[in-house]
Amino acid sequence: MDIVYEYVNVSASKRLESLIEEKLLKLQKRYSFIIRADVFLKKDNNELEKQQHCGIRLSGPGPRIYASSDEKSFQEAINETIEDLKDILEKRKSKMKAHL
């Protein structure tokens, strides 16, 4: 699986990339039809509490899948986004089984 990172208002972080890669590889083991992930990490410069944004777009058969979340830290935002993707992927997988 190819993973592409895009950072907005934040510098690249190997620690975040390794965390994301670990979680995405677990997803790919369960959902083998995932071929690419585009990860968007953004820090908002406003006064709201939830300033860290994570968005992940997955490519595979059919329409692309996208989930995002805003949290106090990037780690929380990544975890929330991955959980949302799991729900979406499970629905996609059940639809794919119905068509086989």
C-alpha atoms as a PDB file:
ATOM      1  CA  MET A   1       0.000   0.000   0.000  1.00  0.00           C
ATOM      2  CA  ASP A   2       1.233   3.459  -0.872  1.00  0.00           C
ATOM      3  CA  ILE A   3       0.912   6.097   1.851  1.00  0.00           C
ATOM      4  CA  VAL A   4       1.174   9.781   0.930  1.00  0.00           C
ATOM      5  CA  TYR A   5       1.415  12.426   3.663  1.00  0.00           C
ATOM      6  CA  GLU A   6       0.423  16.075   3.372  1.00  0.00           C
ATOM      7  CA  TYR A   7       1.148  18.541   6.168  1.00  0.00           C
ATOM      8  CA  VAL A   8      -0.475  21.971   6.587  1.00  0.00           C
ATOM      9  CA  ASN A   9       0.869  24.385   9.233  1.00  0.00           C
ATOM     10  CA  VAL A  10       2.841  21.566  10.862  1.00  0.00           C
ATOM     11  CA  SER A  11       6.264  20.072  10.203  1.00  0.00           C
ATOM     12  CA  ALA A  12       6.717  16.483   9.088  1.00  0.00           C
ATOM     13  CA  SER A  13       7.009  13.991  11.919  1.00  0.00           C
ATOM     14  CA  LYS A  14       8.488  10.502  11.666  1.00  0.00           C
ATOM     15  CA  ARG A  15       6.752   9.557  14.928  1.00  0.00           C
ATOM     16  CA  LEU A  16       3.314  10.419  13.521  1.00  0.00           C
ATOM     17  CA  GLU A  17       4.102   8.755  10.208  1.00  0.00           C
ATOM     18  CA  SER A  18       5.144   5.515  11.917  1.00  0.00           C
ATOM     19  CA  LEU A  19       1.980   5.557  14.078  1.00  0.00           C
ATOM     20  CA  ILE A  20      -0.218   6.100  11.025  1.00  0.00           C
ATOM     21  CA  GLU A  21       1.629   3.482   8.984  1.00  0.00           C
ATOM     22  CA  GLU A  22       1.229   0.898  11.757  1.00  0.00           C
ATOM     23  CA  LYS A  23      -2.524   1.510  11.984  1.00  0.00           C
ATOM     24  CA  LEU A  24      -3.046   1.569   8.210  1.00  0.00           C
ATOM     25  CA  LEU A  25      -1.130  -1.694   7.736  1.00  0.00           C
ATOM     26  CA  LYS A  26      -3.424  -3.328  10.301  1.00  0.00           C
ATOM     27  CA  LEU A  27      -6.392  -2.079   8.270  1.00  0.00           C
ATOM     28  CA  GLN A  28      -4.880  -3.410   5.065  1.00  0.00           C
ATOM     29  CA  LYS A  29      -4.382  -6.868   6.597  1.00  0.00           C
ATOM     30  CA  ARG A  30      -8.092  -7.007   7.375  1.00  0.00           C
ATOM     31  CA  TYR A  31      -9.259  -5.246   4.204  1.00  0.00           C
ATOM     32  CA  SER A  32      -6.863  -6.370   1.492  1.00  0.00           C
ATOM     33  CA  PHE A  33      -8.568  -4.297  -1.215  1.00  0.00           C
ATOM     34  CA  ILE A  34      -6.978  -1.046   0.079  1.00  0.00           C
ATOM     35  CA  ILE A  35      -4.244   0.046  -2.340  1.00  0.00           C
ATOM     36  CA  ARG A  36      -3.422   3.646  -1.327  1.00  0.00           C
ATOM     37  CA  ALA A  37      -3.861   6.035   1.567  1.00  0.00           C
ATOM     38  CA  ASP A  38      -3.624   9.826   1.456  1.00  0.00           C
ATOM     39  CA  VAL A  39      -3.110  11.289   4.929  1.00  0.00           C
ATOM     40  CA  PHE A  40      -3.751  14.966   5.674  1.00  0.00           C
ATOM     41  CA  LEU A  41      -2.459  16.455   8.933  1.00  0.00           C
ATOM     42  CA  LYS A  42      -3.335  20.064   9.687  1.00  0.00           C
ATOM     43  CA  LYS A  43      -2.959  22.363  12.652  1.00  0.00           C
ATOM     44  CA  ASP A  44      -5.521  25.161  12.863  1.00  0.00           C
ATOM     45  CA  ASN A  45      -4.372  28.480  14.239  1.00  0.00           C
ATOM     46  CA  ASN A  46      -7.672  29.448  15.853  1.00  0.00           C
ATOM     47  CA  GLU A  47      -8.589  29.630  19.529  1.00  0.00           C
ATOM     48  CA  LEU A  48     -10.752  26.489  19.587  1.00  0.00           C
ATOM     49  CA  GLU A  49      -9.697  23.568  21.778  1.00  0.00           C
ATOM     50  CA  LYS A  50      -9.682  21.043  18.949  1.00  0.00           C
ATOM     51  CA  GLN A  51      -6.861  22.361  16.797  1.00  0.00           C
ATOM     52  CA  GLN A  52      -5.354  19.150  15.358  1.00  0.00           C
ATOM     53  CA  HIS A  53      -7.003  17.775  12.217  1.00  0.00           C
ATOM     54  CA  CYS A  54      -6.419  14.365  10.620  1.00  0.00           C
ATOM     55  CA  GLY A  55      -8.036  13.259   7.383  1.00  0.00           C
ATOM     56  CA  ILE A  56      -7.414   9.957   5.612  1.00  0.00           C
ATOM     57  CA  ARG A  57      -8.593   9.034   2.117  1.00  0.00           C
ATOM     58  CA  LEU A  58      -8.367   5.383   1.075  1.00  0.00           C
ATOM     59  CA  SER A  59      -8.342   4.146  -2.503  1.00  0.00           C
ATOM     60  CA  GLY A  60      -9.515   0.741  -3.646  1.00  0.00           C
ATOM     61  CA  PRO A  61     -12.273  -0.675  -5.799  1.00  0.00           C
ATOM     62  CA  GLY A  62     -15.279   1.588  -6.019  1.00  0.00           C
ATOM     63  CA  PRO A  63     -15.521   5.126  -4.647  1.00  0.00           C
ATOM     64  CA  ARG A  64     -12.767   6.455  -2.415  1.00  0.00           C
ATOM     65  CA  ILE A  65     -13.330   6.337   1.333  1.00  0.00           C
ATOM     66  CA  TYR A  66     -12.673   9.430   3.455  1.00  0.00           C
ATOM     67  CA  ALA A  67     -12.822  10.088   7.176  1.00  0.00           C
ATOM     68  CA  SER A  68     -11.530  12.944   9.293  1.00  0.00           C
ATOM     69  CA  SER A  69     -11.600  14.241  12.841  1.00  0.00           C
ATOM     70  CA  ASP A  70     -10.524  17.238  14.895  1.00  0.00           C
ATOM     71  CA  GLU A  71      -9.082  16.626  18.356  1.00  0.00           C
ATOM     72  CA  LYS A  72      -6.743  18.175  20.933  1.00  0.00           C
ATOM     73  CA  SER A  73      -3.765  16.105  19.755  1.00  0.00           C
ATOM     74  CA  PHE A  74      -2.755  14.461  16.503  1.00  0.00           C
ATOM     75  CA  GLN A  75      -2.673  11.039  18.167  1.00  0.00           C
ATOM     76  CA  GLU A  76      -6.308  11.375  19.280  1.00  0.00           C
ATOM     77  CA  ALA A  77      -7.323  12.656  15.840  1.00  0.00           C
ATOM     78  CA  ILE A  78      -5.554   9.740  14.119  1.00  0.00           C
ATOM     79  CA  ASN A  79      -7.186   7.181  16.415  1.00  0.00           C
ATOM     80  CA  GLU A  80     -10.656   8.660  15.887  1.00  0.00           C
ATOM     81  CA  THR A  81     -10.185   8.784  12.115  1.00  0.00           C
ATOM     82  CA  ILE A  82      -9.006   5.149  11.991  1.00  0.00           C
ATOM     83  CA  GLU A  83     -12.061   4.067  14.017  1.00  0.00           C
ATOM     84  CA  ASP A  84     -14.345   5.882  11.568  1.00  0.00           C
ATOM     85  CA  LEU A  85     -12.570   4.204   8.649  1.00  0.00           C
ATOM     86  CA  LYS A  86     -13.041   0.771  10.237  1.00  0.00           C
ATOM     87  CA  ASP A  87     -16.816   1.323  10.312  1.00  0.00           C
ATOM     88  CA  ILE A  88     -16.900   2.473   6.690  1.00  0.00           C
ATOM     89  CA  LEU A  89     -14.643  -0.374   5.520  1.00  0.00           C
ATOM     90  CA  GLU A  90     -16.787  -2.984   7.272  1.00  0.00           C
ATOM     91  CA  LYS A  91     -19.849  -1.703   5.411  1.00  0.00           C
ATOM     92  CA  ARG A  92     -17.918  -1.717   2.124  1.00  0.00           C
ATOM     93  CA  LYS A  93     -16.678  -5.268   2.739  1.00  0.00           C
ATOM     94  CA  SER A  94     -20.188  -6.548   3.454  1.00  0.00           C
ATOM     95  CA  LYS A  95     -21.466  -4.957   0.224  1.00  0.00           C
ATOM     96  CA  MET A  96     -18.626  -6.555  -1.727  1.00  0.00           C
ATOM     97  CA  LYS A  97     -19.483  -9.986  -0.278  1.00  0.00           C
ATOM     98  CA  ALA A  98     -23.114  -9.534  -1.277  1.00  0.00           C
ATOM     99  CA  HIS A  99     -22.072  -9.077  -4.921  1.00  0.00           C
ATOM    100  CA  LEU A 100     -19.883 -12.185  -5.096  1.00  0.00           C
END
